[in-house]
């Protein structure tokens, strides 16, 4: 019978040990964190994501989360060579015995997953729309002379492979200037972001998604509206907008995208005790809408957002506000939009309010603003009139002369 060997975990201290069988034990008195016990106790392991982890306590009482397989390798093999990571040789992530672990390159890890059948490529990918049989079926159809108006393919095969190549939609950069707009508008409360929806070309063909209670400013306007109470509501609305029923709508106005992110975060916090997981789900939901859903909508999309002050290399700047730091600093939501405008409300000496839209950063560097407009069709300061702006940024196509 093999004797279980124990070694001190490097980089912590002698209060924690790991064995070559993948177990961790603590010499701490429960509740003290520092005082040494007369006998060790086995530490419990959890699997928050894909690998077993243990929670340790440093000398300065900081909580440390460490994967068990890495602790085993550090204790019995030593630190990894530059650019290498841990490998599970038999493909079982729960088997953290020393005999099943080794340092290796990312490529070796990938080849291990292929050999063990655990690689999420092809039909195993979570976002895959086709099975391996679907792809082979399509290739056989094209090899036999092509697909007759693509009727021989099921609906989920419409973006399949032709001879191993993706059937991409070719276009021209000039045509991009005629597609629908995607605009994010940020400003303080009461500046008039909701009321701005009334300035679209035809309010009866503008659908406003009410996420927060601010529609009172539109009570004198006849405009289609939908109340968003959860993430599922937003997905259903976008599905309808892409259907034939959506042809009655020219503009989709979201009020507000900040409130929608906060709603999703609240939903997830109610379902999980881990706030980090809740924030992760919220970020995934927002990114799914920005990258996967919004580009497919045929309508103009205008979304409002709250405002917050952050520090940048150029100084303090007001930017669109979203929960957490990822959607504000690391991967700003505004990057997914053609334009990001700041809405202002100035008051003159007589007390009259003057509202305007900042469409470029140089108009006021303290406010985040951009517009992808190489032709200079709108100014850096614009009247809050969406009908006027849309007519200039997206002029109707002129009929071709025959």
Protein backbone atom coordinates (compact mmCIF):
# COMPACT_ATOMS: atom_id res chain seq x y z
CA UNK A 1 0.00 0.00 0.00
CA UNK A 2 1.40 3.39 -1.02
CA UNK A 3 2.09 5.79 1.83
CA UNK A 4 0.61 9.26 1.41
CA UNK A 5 3.34 11.88 1.42
CA UNK A 6 2.79 15.42 2.76
CA UNK A 7 4.71 18.59 2.04
CA UNK A 8 4.42 22.20 3.12
CA UNK A 9 2.71 24.44 0.59
CA UNK A 10 5.31 26.85 -0.84
CA UNK A 11 4.66 30.55 -0.44
CA UNK A 12 2.21 30.23 2.49
CA UNK A 13 3.88 28.92 5.67
CA UNK A 14 4.08 25.65 7.60
CA UNK A 15 0.42 25.86 8.69
CA UNK A 16 -0.80 24.22 5.44
CA UNK A 17 0.33 21.01 3.75
CA UNK A 18 -0.62 19.18 0.57
CA UNK A 19 -0.25 15.48 -0.19
CA UNK A 20 0.68 13.58 -3.34
CA UNK A 21 -2.87 12.20 -3.28
CA UNK A 22 -4.38 15.66 -3.83
CA UNK A 23 -5.51 16.40 -0.29
CA UNK A 24 -4.83 19.57 1.75
CA UNK A 25 -4.64 19.76 5.51
CA UNK A 26 -4.41 22.63 7.98
CA UNK A 27 -2.54 22.90 11.26
CA UNK A 28 -4.56 25.96 12.30
CA UNK A 29 -6.88 25.98 15.30
CA UNK A 30 -10.40 26.41 13.82
CA UNK A 31 -11.48 30.03 14.13
CA UNK A 32 -8.04 31.39 15.05
CA UNK A 33 -6.45 31.33 11.60
CA UNK A 34 -2.92 31.63 13.03
CA UNK A 35 -2.62 29.58 16.25
CA UNK A 36 -1.15 26.12 15.57
CA UNK A 37 -3.20 23.06 16.51
CA UNK A 38 -1.87 19.87 18.07
CA UNK A 39 -3.23 17.79 15.18
CA UNK A 40 -4.05 18.65 11.56
CA UNK A 41 -7.48 18.58 9.93
CA UNK A 42 -8.28 17.93 6.28
CA UNK A 43 -9.38 21.09 4.45
CA UNK A 44 -12.62 20.93 2.52
CA UNK A 45 -12.44 21.37 -1.25
CA UNK A 46 -14.93 23.10 -3.50
CA UNK A 47 -15.36 23.34 -7.26
CA UNK A 48 -16.55 26.93 -7.97
CA UNK A 49 -15.80 26.61 -11.68
CA UNK A 50 -13.87 23.77 -13.27
CA UNK A 51 -11.17 22.79 -10.77
CA UNK A 52 -11.14 21.84 -7.10
CA UNK A 53 -10.07 24.73 -4.86
CA UNK A 54 -9.25 25.30 -1.20
CA UNK A 55 -9.53 28.47 0.82
CA UNK A 56 -6.44 29.33 2.88
CA UNK A 57 -5.64 32.14 5.28
CA UNK A 58 -2.38 34.10 5.05
CA UNK A 59 -0.44 35.30 8.06
CA UNK A 60 -1.99 38.76 7.67
CA UNK A 61 -5.45 37.11 7.64
CA UNK A 62 -6.12 37.53 3.90
CA UNK A 63 -8.27 34.84 2.29
CA UNK A 64 -6.46 32.99 -0.50
CA UNK A 65 -8.15 30.76 -3.09
CA UNK A 66 -5.84 28.15 -4.61
CA UNK A 67 -6.45 25.27 -7.02
CA UNK A 68 -5.47 21.91 -5.56
CA UNK A 69 -3.70 20.57 -8.65
CA UNK A 70 -1.39 23.58 -8.74
CA UNK A 71 -0.56 23.25 -5.03
CA UNK A 72 0.42 19.60 -5.58
CA UNK A 73 2.77 20.48 -8.43
CA UNK A 74 4.31 23.42 -6.57
CA UNK A 75 5.01 21.30 -3.52
CA UNK A 76 6.32 18.14 -5.22
CA UNK A 77 7.68 19.34 -8.59
CA UNK A 78 8.47 23.01 -8.12
CA UNK A 79 7.40 26.20 -9.89
CA UNK A 80 6.36 25.88 -13.56
CA UNK A 81 8.77 26.79 -16.36
CA UNK A 82 7.98 30.06 -18.08
CA UNK A 83 4.86 29.80 -20.24
CA UNK A 84 3.71 26.45 -18.86
CA UNK A 85 0.61 25.44 -16.94
CA UNK A 86 -0.77 22.39 -15.12
CA UNK A 87 -1.95 19.32 -17.06
CA UNK A 88 -4.26 16.48 -16.00
CA UNK A 89 -2.74 13.56 -17.85
CA UNK A 90 -5.82 11.33 -17.80
CA UNK A 91 -8.26 14.15 -18.59
CA UNK A 92 -10.04 13.91 -15.21
CA UNK A 93 -9.96 17.33 -13.55
CA UNK A 94 -11.02 15.79 -10.23
CA UNK A 95 -7.99 13.48 -10.12
CA UNK A 96 -5.35 15.63 -8.42
CA UNK A 97 -2.88 12.87 -7.58
CA UNK A 98 0.75 13.74 -8.30
CA UNK A 99 0.94 10.80 -10.73
CA UNK A 100 -1.76 12.44 -12.86
CA UNK A 101 -0.24 15.93 -12.94
CA UNK A 102 2.55 17.60 -14.88
CA UNK A 103 3.60 21.03 -16.11
CA UNK A 104 3.13 21.55 -19.83
CA UNK A 105 2.47 24.08 -22.57
CA UNK A 106 -0.96 25.30 -23.63
CA UNK A 107 -0.63 23.26 -26.81
CA UNK A 108 0.06 20.08 -24.83
CA UNK A 109 -2.99 20.81 -22.69
CA UNK A 110 -5.10 21.31 -25.81
CA UNK A 111 -3.81 18.06 -27.34
CA UNK A 112 -4.66 16.28 -24.07
CA UNK A 113 -8.26 17.49 -24.29
CA UNK A 114 -8.52 16.31 -27.89
CA UNK A 115 -7.13 12.88 -26.95
CA UNK A 116 -9.53 12.58 -23.99
CA UNK A 117 -12.55 13.85 -25.93
CA UNK A 118 -13.09 16.82 -23.62
CA UNK A 119 -12.25 19.59 -26.11
CA UNK A 120 -15.26 21.86 -26.70
CA UNK A 121 -14.65 22.28 -30.41
CA UNK A 122 -17.04 21.75 -33.28
CA UNK A 123 -20.45 20.45 -32.22
CA UNK A 124 -19.33 20.31 -28.57
CA UNK A 125 -18.96 24.10 -28.43
CA UNK A 126 -21.68 25.73 -26.33
CA UNK A 127 -22.46 28.18 -29.14
CA UNK A 128 -22.47 25.63 -31.94
CA UNK A 129 -25.53 25.84 -34.19
CA UNK A 130 -24.78 22.71 -36.21
CA UNK A 131 -23.94 19.13 -35.43
CA UNK A 132 -21.16 17.26 -37.21
CA UNK A 133 -23.83 15.42 -39.20
CA UNK A 134 -25.35 18.75 -40.31
CA UNK A 135 -22.01 19.97 -41.65
CA UNK A 136 -21.34 16.73 -43.54
CA UNK A 137 -24.89 16.84 -44.98
CA UNK A 138 -24.40 20.39 -46.27
CA UNK A 139 -21.04 19.59 -47.82
CA UNK A 140 -22.54 16.61 -49.62
CA UNK A 141 -25.33 18.84 -50.98
CA UNK A 142 -22.89 21.41 -52.34
CA UNK A 143 -20.63 18.72 -53.76
CA UNK A 144 -23.65 17.34 -55.65
CA UNK A 145 -24.39 20.67 -57.28
CA UNK A 146 -25.33 23.08 -54.53
CA UNK A 147 -28.44 23.76 -52.54
CA UNK A 148 -31.56 24.83 -54.44
CA UNK A 149 -32.38 28.22 -52.89
CA UNK A 150 -31.06 26.76 -49.64
CA UNK A 151 -34.39 24.95 -49.20
CA UNK A 152 -32.68 21.63 -48.69
CA UNK A 153 -31.11 22.91 -45.46
CA UNK A 154 -32.90 23.21 -42.14
CA UNK A 155 -33.14 26.72 -40.70
CA UNK A 156 -30.21 26.16 -38.34
CA UNK A 157 -27.95 25.34 -41.29
CA UNK A 158 -28.28 28.65 -43.08
CA UNK A 159 -24.87 29.82 -41.82
CA UNK A 160 -23.15 26.51 -42.49
CA UNK A 161 -19.98 25.66 -44.32
CA UNK A 162 -19.58 25.38 -48.06
CA UNK A 163 -16.58 23.25 -48.90
CA UNK A 164 -15.12 23.97 -45.47
CA UNK A 165 -15.42 27.75 -45.88
CA UNK A 166 -17.88 30.00 -44.09
CA UNK A 167 -20.60 31.43 -46.35
CA UNK A 168 -19.93 35.04 -45.35
CA UNK A 169 -21.99 38.02 -46.45
CA UNK A 170 -19.84 40.24 -48.65
CA UNK A 171 -20.54 43.96 -48.53
CA UNK A 172 -18.88 47.30 -49.21
CA UNK A 173 -17.63 49.86 -46.70
CA UNK A 174 -19.79 52.53 -48.33
CA UNK A 175 -22.87 50.40 -47.67
CA UNK A 176 -22.08 50.53 -43.94
CA UNK A 177 -23.03 54.20 -43.97
CA UNK A 178 -26.61 53.33 -44.89
CA UNK A 179 -27.33 50.77 -42.16
CA UNK A 180 -29.25 51.50 -38.98
CA UNK A 181 -27.62 53.56 -36.23
CA UNK A 182 -26.62 52.35 -32.77
CA UNK A 183 -26.30 55.28 -30.36
CA UNK A 184 -25.69 55.46 -26.59
CA UNK A 185 -26.81 58.69 -24.87
CA UNK A 186 -25.66 59.45 -21.33
CA UNK A 187 -26.53 62.30 -18.99
CA UNK A 188 -27.60 63.20 -15.49
CA UNK A 189 -31.11 62.57 -14.18
CA UNK A 190 -33.62 65.09 -15.46
CA UNK A 191 -31.53 66.26 -18.41
CA UNK A 192 -34.14 65.02 -20.89
CA UNK A 193 -32.87 61.66 -22.15
CA UNK A 194 -36.33 60.05 -22.07
CA UNK A 195 -38.06 63.03 -23.68
CA UNK A 196 -35.53 62.85 -26.50
CA UNK A 197 -37.45 59.82 -27.83
CA UNK A 198 -40.24 62.18 -28.88
CA UNK A 199 -37.96 63.75 -31.51
CA UNK A 200 -37.65 60.64 -33.69
CA UNK A 201 -38.94 60.97 -37.29
CA UNK A 202 -42.22 59.17 -36.54
CA UNK A 203 -43.07 58.49 -32.87
CA UNK A 204 -45.77 55.99 -33.91
CA UNK A 205 -42.99 53.82 -35.42
CA UNK A 206 -40.71 54.07 -32.39
CA UNK A 207 -40.85 51.33 -29.75
CA UNK A 208 -39.61 52.47 -26.36
CA UNK A 209 -38.46 49.84 -23.87
CA UNK A 210 -39.32 51.14 -20.40
CA UNK A 211 -36.86 49.70 -17.90
CA UNK A 212 -37.02 52.55 -15.38
CA UNK A 213 -39.93 54.73 -14.31
CA UNK A 214 -39.42 57.86 -16.39
CA UNK A 215 -42.09 57.72 -19.10
CA UNK A 216 -44.18 60.51 -17.55
CA UNK A 217 -42.34 63.00 -19.78
CA UNK A 218 -43.82 61.22 -22.82
CA UNK A 219 -47.45 61.12 -21.67
CA UNK A 220 -48.43 63.62 -24.39
CA UNK A 221 -46.96 61.44 -27.16
CA UNK A 222 -48.64 58.43 -28.80
CA UNK A 223 -45.78 55.94 -28.91
CA UNK A 224 -45.62 52.11 -28.70
CA UNK A 225 -44.03 51.01 -25.44
CA UNK A 226 -43.11 47.78 -23.68
CA UNK A 227 -42.33 47.31 -20.00
CA UNK A 228 -39.09 45.38 -19.35
CA UNK A 229 -39.14 43.52 -16.03
CA UNK A 230 -36.44 40.90 -16.63
CA UNK A 231 -33.77 39.85 -19.12
CA UNK A 232 -36.20 37.42 -20.75
CA UNK A 233 -38.48 40.35 -21.68
CA UNK A 234 -35.66 42.07 -23.55
CA UNK A 235 -34.82 38.91 -25.49
CA UNK A 236 -38.47 38.46 -26.48
CA UNK A 237 -38.77 42.07 -27.65
CA UNK A 238 -35.64 41.76 -29.79
CA UNK A 239 -36.96 38.52 -31.27
CA UNK A 240 -40.17 40.30 -32.33
CA UNK A 241 -38.20 43.21 -33.78
CA UNK A 242 -36.36 40.77 -36.06
CA UNK A 243 -39.60 39.12 -37.17
CA UNK A 244 -42.07 40.41 -39.81
CA UNK A 245 -43.97 42.15 -36.98
CA UNK A 246 -40.88 44.30 -36.42
CA UNK A 247 -41.28 45.94 -39.83
CA UNK A 248 -43.73 48.37 -38.22
CA UNK A 249 -40.92 49.77 -36.06
CA UNK A 250 -38.15 52.07 -37.31
CA UNK A 251 -36.52 53.03 -33.99
CA UNK A 252 -35.91 50.97 -30.85
CA UNK A 253 -35.38 53.28 -27.84
CA UNK A 254 -34.09 51.67 -24.62
CA UNK A 255 -34.61 53.72 -21.45
CA UNK A 256 -32.27 52.91 -19.92
CA UNK A 257 -29.49 50.42 -20.59
CA UNK A 258 -28.01 51.19 -17.17
CA UNK A 259 -31.27 50.23 -15.46
CA UNK A 260 -31.41 47.03 -17.53
CA UNK A 261 -27.91 46.04 -16.34
CA UNK A 262 -28.89 46.81 -12.74
CA UNK A 263 -32.05 44.71 -13.16
CA UNK A 264 -30.09 41.70 -14.42
CA UNK A 265 -27.59 42.08 -11.56
CA UNK A 266 -30.43 42.21 -9.00
CA UNK A 267 -31.96 39.04 -10.50
CA UNK A 268 -28.67 37.15 -10.29
CA UNK A 269 -27.86 38.30 -6.76
CA UNK A 270 -31.20 36.88 -5.67
CA UNK A 271 -30.23 33.48 -7.10
CA UNK A 272 -26.58 33.17 -6.04
CA UNK A 273 -24.62 33.95 -2.92
CA UNK A 274 -21.46 34.71 -4.90
CA UNK A 275 -21.54 38.40 -5.94
CA UNK A 276 -18.69 37.83 -8.40
CA UNK A 277 -20.78 35.26 -10.25
CA UNK A 278 -23.74 37.67 -10.32
CA UNK A 279 -21.57 40.41 -11.83
CA UNK A 280 -20.19 37.93 -14.36
CA UNK A 281 -23.67 36.88 -15.50
CA UNK A 282 -24.73 40.52 -15.75
CA UNK A 283 -21.71 41.37 -17.92
CA UNK A 284 -22.34 38.34 -20.13
CA UNK A 285 -26.00 39.33 -20.57
CA UNK A 286 -25.13 42.91 -21.56
CA UNK A 287 -22.38 41.76 -23.93
CA UNK A 288 -24.73 39.19 -25.46
CA UNK A 289 -27.15 42.01 -26.29
CA UNK A 290 -24.45 44.38 -27.56
CA UNK A 291 -22.53 41.88 -29.70
CA UNK A 292 -25.01 39.15 -30.54
CA UNK A 293 -28.45 40.81 -30.64
CA UNK A 294 -28.15 44.53 -31.35
CA UNK A 295 -26.17 44.16 -34.63
CA UNK A 296 -28.97 41.91 -35.97
CA UNK A 297 -31.76 44.44 -35.37
CA UNK A 298 -32.89 46.22 -38.56
CA UNK A 299 -34.09 49.24 -36.58
CA UNK A 300 -32.13 52.25 -35.33
CA UNK A 301 -31.18 51.58 -31.70
CA UNK A 302 -30.92 54.42 -29.19
CA UNK A 303 -30.10 53.57 -25.59
CA UNK A 304 -29.88 55.95 -22.66
CA UNK A 305 -27.50 55.57 -19.72
CA UNK A 306 -26.78 57.16 -16.39
CA UNK A 307 -23.58 59.11 -15.90
CA UNK A 308 -20.57 58.80 -13.59
CA UNK A 309 -17.25 60.57 -13.12
CA UNK A 310 -14.06 58.53 -13.55
CA UNK A 311 -10.34 59.29 -13.71
CA UNK A 312 -8.58 58.92 -17.06
CA UNK A 313 -5.07 59.70 -18.30
CA UNK A 314 -6.45 63.02 -19.56
CA UNK A 315 -8.12 63.87 -16.23
CA UNK A 316 -11.62 63.46 -14.80
CA UNK A 317 -14.31 62.58 -17.33
CA UNK A 318 -18.05 61.91 -17.25
CA UNK A 319 -18.87 58.58 -18.90
CA UNK A 320 -21.86 56.21 -19.22
CA UNK A 321 -22.50 54.49 -15.90
CA UNK A 322 -22.91 50.72 -15.46
CA UNK A 323 -22.56 48.35 -12.48
CA UNK A 324 -18.99 47.31 -11.73
CA UNK A 325 -15.80 48.44 -13.44
CA UNK A 326 -15.63 46.08 -16.42
CA UNK A 327 -18.40 47.71 -18.47
CA UNK A 328 -17.12 51.20 -17.61
CA UNK A 329 -13.32 51.03 -17.80
CA UNK A 330 -12.00 47.64 -18.93
CA UNK A 331 -14.49 46.98 -21.73
CA UNK A 332 -16.66 50.11 -22.08
CA UNK A 333 -20.18 49.57 -23.36
CA UNK A 334 -19.79 52.60 -25.63
CA UNK A 335 -17.33 50.66 -27.84
CA UNK A 336 -20.24 48.60 -29.20
CA UNK A 337 -22.08 51.70 -30.45
CA UNK A 338 -21.56 53.84 -33.55
CA UNK A 339 -21.93 56.92 -31.40
CA UNK A 340 -21.81 57.90 -27.74
CA UNK A 341 -23.38 61.27 -27.00
CA UNK A 342 -23.49 63.32 -23.82
CA UNK A 343 -26.69 65.26 -23.21
CA UNK A 344 -26.32 68.68 -21.59
CA UNK A 345 -28.74 71.20 -20.12
CA UNK A 346 -27.38 74.73 -19.75
CA UNK A 347 -29.25 77.54 -18.04
CA UNK A 348 -28.88 81.10 -19.31
CA UNK A 349 -28.97 84.30 -17.29
CA UNK A 350 -32.76 84.47 -17.57
CA UNK A 351 -33.17 80.96 -16.15
CA UNK A 352 -34.10 79.37 -19.48
CA UNK A 353 -32.92 75.80 -20.04
CA UNK A 354 -31.00 75.05 -23.22
CA UNK A 355 -30.52 71.36 -24.01
CA UNK A 356 -27.97 70.09 -26.53
CA UNK A 357 -26.16 66.93 -27.56
CA UNK A 358 -22.38 66.64 -27.50
CA UNK A 359 -21.41 64.30 -30.33
CA UNK A 360 -17.61 64.66 -30.30
CA UNK A 361 -15.07 64.69 -27.47
CA UNK A 362 -13.41 67.97 -28.47
CA UNK A 363 -16.64 69.88 -27.78
CA UNK A 364 -16.06 69.29 -24.05
CA UNK A 365 -13.23 66.88 -23.09
CA UNK A 366 -14.77 66.40 -19.64
CA UNK A 367 -17.59 64.34 -21.18
CA UNK A 368 -17.18 61.10 -23.14
CA UNK A 369 -18.51 61.54 -26.68
CA UNK A 370 -17.83 60.13 -30.15
CA UNK A 371 -19.51 59.74 -33.52
CA UNK A 372 -18.21 57.63 -36.38
CA UNK A 373 -18.85 60.29 -38.97
CA UNK A 374 -15.87 60.68 -41.34
CA UNK A 375 -17.96 62.82 -43.71
CA UNK A 376 -18.68 65.42 -41.04
CA UNK A 377 -22.45 65.31 -41.54
CA UNK A 378 -23.24 66.47 -37.99
CA UNK A 379 -21.55 68.99 -35.74
CA UNK A 380 -19.85 68.49 -32.39
CA UNK A 381 -22.82 70.28 -30.77
CA UNK A 382 -26.29 69.38 -32.00
CA UNK A 383 -29.85 70.32 -31.18
CA UNK A 384 -31.65 67.42 -29.41
CA UNK A 385 -33.56 66.43 -32.53
CA UNK A 386 -33.12 62.80 -33.55
CA UNK A 387 -35.14 63.17 -36.75
CA UNK A 388 -32.70 65.79 -38.01
CA UNK A 389 -29.63 63.81 -37.01
CA UNK A 390 -30.90 60.53 -38.48
CA UNK A 391 -31.73 62.21 -41.80
CA UNK A 392 -28.15 63.40 -42.11
CA UNK A 393 -26.32 60.32 -40.84
CA UNK A 394 -28.57 57.86 -42.69
CA UNK A 395 -29.94 59.62 -45.78
CA UNK A 396 -32.37 57.54 -47.88
CA UNK A 397 -30.82 55.72 -50.81
CA UNK A 398 -31.17 57.49 -54.11
CA UNK A 399 -32.64 55.42 -56.95
CA UNK A 400 -30.07 54.33 -59.48
CA UNK A 401 -30.20 55.91 -62.93
CA UNK A 402 -30.88 53.33 -65.61
